[in-house]
C-alpha cells in the first residue's frame, strides 16, 4: 500500500506492488494472492483509503480474505474424492 502511495515509476507500479505484497505474504507463511478483475474496484478503493486517510483496514481485510480463500482452495485440493482416493485437480 505504501509503495502504491509513493508511485515511484511512470509505469508498472501496480504489478510491482503486488509482487512485493506476495513476497511479504509468502515470507510470512501465507499464500500468494491474486486480485481478480471483479475485485479491482474494491482493491483500488482500499488503496485510496490508505493514501488519503492513512487507513489500512480495508486493504488488510481484503488481503486477509483473499489469503483465506487461497488456503481453502489448497485444502480443497487435498480433500479425498468419494471413492477414498485423493485426486489433485489443477
N, C-alpha and C. Protein backbone atom coordinates (compact mmCIF):
# COMPACT_ATOMS: atom_id res chain seq x y z
N UNK A 1 0.83 -1.19 0.00
CA UNK A 1 0.00 0.00 0.00
C UNK A 1 0.87 1.25 0.00
N UNK A 2 1.95 1.21 0.76
CA UNK A 2 2.85 2.37 0.80
C UNK A 2 3.56 2.55 -0.53
N UNK A 3 3.94 1.46 -1.17
CA UNK A 3 4.61 1.53 -2.47
C UNK A 3 3.69 2.19 -3.50
N UNK A 4 2.43 1.79 -3.51
CA UNK A 4 1.48 2.38 -4.46
C UNK A 4 1.27 3.86 -4.14
N UNK A 5 1.26 4.17 -2.87
CA UNK A 5 1.06 5.57 -2.45
C UNK A 5 2.17 6.48 -2.98
N UNK A 6 3.42 6.02 -2.94
CA UNK A 6 4.51 6.87 -3.40
C UNK A 6 4.65 6.85 -4.93
N UNK A 7 4.14 5.83 -5.58
CA UNK A 7 4.07 5.76 -7.04
C UNK A 7 5.42 6.14 -7.69
N UNK A 8 6.48 5.34 -7.46
CA UNK A 8 7.82 5.75 -7.88
C UNK A 8 8.13 5.65 -9.38
N UNK A 9 7.37 4.84 -10.12
CA UNK A 9 7.68 4.62 -11.54
C UNK A 9 6.59 5.20 -12.44
N UNK A 10 6.92 5.54 -13.66
CA UNK A 10 5.90 6.02 -14.60
C UNK A 10 4.92 4.91 -15.00
N UNK A 11 5.39 3.65 -14.96
CA UNK A 11 4.53 2.52 -15.32
C UNK A 11 4.95 1.31 -14.50
N UNK A 12 4.01 0.41 -14.22
CA UNK A 12 4.33 -0.83 -13.54
C UNK A 12 4.26 -0.79 -12.04
N UNK A 13 3.75 0.30 -11.47
CA UNK A 13 3.67 0.40 -10.00
C UNK A 13 2.75 -0.66 -9.40
N UNK A 14 1.61 -0.89 -10.03
CA UNK A 14 0.66 -1.87 -9.51
C UNK A 14 1.21 -3.28 -9.53
N UNK A 15 1.80 -3.67 -10.66
CA UNK A 15 2.38 -5.01 -10.77
C UNK A 15 3.52 -5.19 -9.76
N UNK A 16 4.35 -4.16 -9.64
CA UNK A 16 5.47 -4.24 -8.71
C UNK A 16 4.98 -4.32 -7.28
N UNK A 17 3.97 -3.53 -6.94
CA UNK A 17 3.46 -3.55 -5.57
C UNK A 17 2.81 -4.89 -5.23
N UNK A 18 2.11 -5.50 -6.19
CA UNK A 18 1.51 -6.81 -5.93
C UNK A 18 2.58 -7.89 -5.80
N UNK A 19 3.66 -7.76 -6.54
CA UNK A 19 4.78 -8.68 -6.40
C UNK A 19 5.40 -8.55 -5.01
N UNK A 20 5.62 -7.31 -4.57
CA UNK A 20 6.16 -7.09 -3.22
C UNK A 20 5.21 -7.60 -2.14
N UNK A 21 3.91 -7.37 -2.34
CA UNK A 21 2.91 -7.84 -1.37
C UNK A 21 2.95 -9.36 -1.26
N UNK A 22 2.99 -10.05 -2.41
CA UNK A 22 3.02 -11.51 -2.38
C UNK A 22 4.32 -12.04 -1.80
N UNK A 23 5.41 -11.35 -2.05
CA UNK A 23 6.69 -11.73 -1.43
C UNK A 23 6.56 -11.65 0.10
N UNK A 24 5.99 -10.56 0.60
CA UNK A 24 5.81 -10.41 2.04
C UNK A 24 4.86 -11.47 2.60
N UNK A 25 3.79 -11.76 1.88
CA UNK A 25 2.87 -12.80 2.33
C UNK A 25 3.58 -14.15 2.44
N UNK A 26 4.28 -14.53 1.38
CA UNK A 26 4.93 -15.84 1.35
C UNK A 26 6.08 -15.92 2.36
N UNK A 27 6.79 -14.83 2.56
CA UNK A 27 7.86 -14.81 3.56
C UNK A 27 7.31 -15.07 4.96
N UNK A 28 6.07 -14.68 5.18
CA UNK A 28 5.44 -14.86 6.49
C UNK A 28 4.52 -16.07 6.56
N UNK A 29 4.65 -16.98 5.60
CA UNK A 29 3.93 -18.25 5.66
C UNK A 29 2.53 -18.24 5.08
N UNK A 30 2.16 -17.20 4.38
CA UNK A 30 0.84 -17.11 3.76
C UNK A 30 0.96 -17.37 2.27
N UNK A 31 -0.14 -17.78 1.64
CA UNK A 31 -0.08 -18.00 0.20
C UNK A 31 -0.13 -16.67 -0.56
N UNK A 32 0.42 -16.70 -1.76
CA UNK A 32 0.30 -15.55 -2.65
C UNK A 32 -1.16 -15.39 -3.06
N UNK A 33 -1.58 -14.17 -3.30
CA UNK A 33 -2.96 -13.90 -3.70
C UNK A 33 -2.98 -13.17 -5.03
N UNK A 34 -4.11 -13.21 -5.65
CA UNK A 34 -4.32 -12.53 -6.92
C UNK A 34 -5.56 -11.65 -6.79
N UNK A 35 -5.51 -10.49 -7.41
CA UNK A 35 -6.65 -9.58 -7.39
C UNK A 35 -7.41 -9.80 -8.71
N UNK A 36 -8.58 -10.41 -8.62
CA UNK A 36 -9.39 -10.68 -9.81
C UNK A 36 -9.97 -9.37 -10.36
N UNK A 37 -10.27 -9.39 -11.65
CA UNK A 37 -10.83 -8.19 -12.28
C UNK A 37 -12.06 -7.68 -11.54
N UNK A 38 -12.92 -8.59 -11.11
CA UNK A 38 -14.14 -8.17 -10.42
C UNK A 38 -13.87 -7.57 -9.04
N UNK A 39 -12.65 -7.73 -8.52
CA UNK A 39 -12.29 -7.16 -7.22
C UNK A 39 -11.42 -5.91 -7.34
N UNK A 40 -11.12 -5.50 -8.56
CA UNK A 40 -10.20 -4.37 -8.76
C UNK A 40 -10.72 -3.07 -8.15
N UNK A 41 -12.01 -2.80 -8.28
CA UNK A 41 -12.56 -1.55 -7.73
C UNK A 41 -12.40 -1.53 -6.20
N UNK A 42 -12.72 -2.64 -5.55
CA UNK A 42 -12.56 -2.72 -4.10
C UNK A 42 -11.09 -2.57 -3.71
N UNK A 43 -10.21 -3.16 -4.51
CA UNK A 43 -8.76 -3.06 -4.28
C UNK A 43 -8.31 -1.60 -4.39
N UNK A 44 -8.73 -0.92 -5.46
CA UNK A 44 -8.37 0.49 -5.63
C UNK A 44 -8.95 1.36 -4.52
N UNK A 45 -10.19 1.09 -4.11
CA UNK A 45 -10.80 1.84 -3.02
C UNK A 45 -10.05 1.64 -1.71
N UNK A 46 -9.60 0.41 -1.47
CA UNK A 46 -8.84 0.12 -0.24
C UNK A 46 -7.51 0.87 -0.26
N UNK A 47 -6.85 0.88 -1.41
CA UNK A 47 -5.59 1.63 -1.53
C UNK A 47 -5.82 3.13 -1.39
N UNK A 48 -6.92 3.60 -1.94
CA UNK A 48 -7.27 5.03 -1.84
C UNK A 48 -7.51 5.43 -0.38
N UNK A 49 -8.20 4.56 0.37
CA UNK A 49 -8.45 4.84 1.78
C UNK A 49 -7.14 4.98 2.54
N UNK A 50 -6.15 4.16 2.18
CA UNK A 50 -4.85 4.29 2.83
C UNK A 50 -4.14 5.57 2.40
N UNK A 51 -4.14 5.85 1.10
CA UNK A 51 -3.42 7.02 0.59
C UNK A 51 -4.00 8.32 1.12
N UNK A 52 -5.32 8.41 1.24
CA UNK A 52 -5.97 9.65 1.64
C UNK A 52 -6.11 9.77 3.16
N UNK A 53 -6.55 8.69 3.80
CA UNK A 53 -6.87 8.73 5.24
C UNK A 53 -5.87 8.02 6.12
N UNK A 54 -4.93 7.29 5.51
CA UNK A 54 -3.98 6.52 6.32
C UNK A 54 -4.59 5.28 6.93
N UNK A 55 -5.77 4.88 6.45
CA UNK A 55 -6.49 3.74 7.00
C UNK A 55 -6.17 2.48 6.19
N UNK A 56 -5.47 1.56 6.81
CA UNK A 56 -5.05 0.34 6.14
C UNK A 56 -6.05 -0.81 6.36
N UNK A 57 -7.10 -0.57 7.12
CA UNK A 57 -8.05 -1.62 7.49
C UNK A 57 -8.69 -2.30 6.28
N UNK A 58 -9.23 -1.53 5.35
CA UNK A 58 -9.89 -2.13 4.18
C UNK A 58 -8.93 -2.99 3.38
N UNK A 59 -7.72 -2.50 3.18
CA UNK A 59 -6.72 -3.23 2.42
C UNK A 59 -6.33 -4.52 3.15
N UNK A 60 -6.03 -4.42 4.44
CA UNK A 60 -5.64 -5.59 5.22
C UNK A 60 -6.75 -6.63 5.25
N UNK A 61 -7.99 -6.19 5.43
CA UNK A 61 -9.12 -7.12 5.44
C UNK A 61 -9.28 -7.81 4.09
N UNK A 62 -9.11 -7.06 3.02
CA UNK A 62 -9.25 -7.64 1.69
C UNK A 62 -8.19 -8.70 1.44
N UNK A 63 -6.95 -8.39 1.76
CA UNK A 63 -5.85 -9.33 1.53
C UNK A 63 -6.00 -10.55 2.44
N UNK A 64 -6.43 -10.34 3.66
CA UNK A 64 -6.66 -11.48 4.57
C UNK A 64 -7.75 -12.41 4.02
N UNK A 65 -8.81 -11.84 3.48
CA UNK A 65 -9.89 -12.64 2.90
C UNK A 65 -9.39 -13.41 1.68
N UNK A 66 -8.60 -12.77 0.83
CA UNK A 66 -8.06 -13.44 -0.35
C UNK A 66 -7.10 -14.57 0.05
N UNK A 67 -6.29 -14.34 1.07
CA UNK A 67 -5.37 -15.38 1.54
C UNK A 67 -6.16 -16.57 2.11
N UNK A 68 -7.22 -16.28 2.84
CA UNK A 68 -8.06 -17.35 3.38
C UNK A 68 -8.72 -18.15 2.25
N UNK A 69 -9.20 -17.47 1.24
CA UNK A 69 -9.79 -18.17 0.09
C UNK A 69 -8.76 -19.05 -0.60
N UNK A 70 -7.54 -18.55 -0.72
CA UNK A 70 -6.48 -19.33 -1.37
C UNK A 70 -6.14 -20.56 -0.53
N UNK A 71 -6.07 -20.40 0.79
CA UNK A 71 -5.82 -21.55 1.67
C UNK A 71 -6.95 -22.57 1.56
N UNK A 72 -8.19 -22.11 1.52
CA UNK A 72 -9.33 -23.02 1.35
C UNK A 72 -9.23 -23.77 0.02
N UNK A 73 -8.80 -23.07 -1.02
CA UNK A 73 -8.62 -23.71 -2.32
C UNK A 73 -7.56 -24.81 -2.23
N UNK A 74 -6.43 -24.51 -1.60
CA UNK A 74 -5.37 -25.50 -1.46
C UNK A 74 -5.84 -26.71 -0.64
N UNK A 75 -6.55 -26.44 0.44
CA UNK A 75 -7.08 -27.54 1.26
C UNK A 75 -8.09 -28.38 0.48
N UNK A 76 -8.87 -27.72 -0.36
CA UNK A 76 -9.83 -28.44 -1.19
C UNK A 76 -9.16 -29.38 -2.16
N UNK A 77 -7.95 -29.03 -2.60
CA UNK A 77 -7.20 -29.91 -3.49
C UNK A 77 -6.79 -31.20 -2.79
N UNK A 78 -6.68 -31.13 -1.48
CA UNK A 78 -6.26 -32.30 -0.71
C UNK A 78 -7.43 -33.14 -0.21
N UNK A 79 -8.66 -32.65 -0.37
CA UNK A 79 -9.83 -33.36 0.13
C UNK A 79 -9.99 -34.69 -0.61
N UNK A 80 -10.30 -35.75 0.12
CA UNK A 80 -10.48 -37.06 -0.53
C UNK A 80 -11.69 -37.05 -1.48
N UNK A 81 -11.54 -37.78 -2.56
CA UNK A 81 -12.64 -37.97 -3.51
C UNK A 81 -13.56 -39.04 -2.93
N UNK A 82 -14.78 -39.14 -3.42
CA UNK A 82 -15.78 -40.05 -2.85
C UNK A 82 -15.32 -41.50 -2.76
N UNK A 83 -14.52 -41.99 -3.70
CA UNK A 83 -14.10 -43.38 -3.66
C UNK A 83 -12.93 -43.63 -2.71
N UNK A 84 -12.51 -42.61 -1.98
CA UNK A 84 -11.47 -42.77 -0.99
C UNK A 84 -10.08 -42.40 -1.46
N UNK A 85 -9.89 -42.19 -2.74
CA UNK A 85 -8.59 -41.79 -3.26
C UNK A 85 -8.47 -40.27 -3.20
N UNK A 86 -7.24 -39.83 -3.16
CA UNK A 86 -7.03 -38.39 -3.26
C UNK A 86 -6.67 -38.08 -4.70
N UNK A 87 -7.24 -37.00 -5.18
CA UNK A 87 -7.00 -36.60 -6.56
C UNK A 87 -6.70 -35.12 -6.60
N UNK A 88 -5.63 -34.78 -7.27
CA UNK A 88 -5.30 -33.38 -7.46
C UNK A 88 -5.93 -32.89 -8.75
N UNK A 89 -6.67 -31.80 -8.64
CA UNK A 89 -7.25 -31.20 -9.85
C UNK A 89 -6.64 -29.83 -10.03
N UNK A 90 -6.08 -29.63 -11.16
CA UNK A 90 -5.40 -28.36 -11.42
C UNK A 90 -6.15 -27.57 -12.45
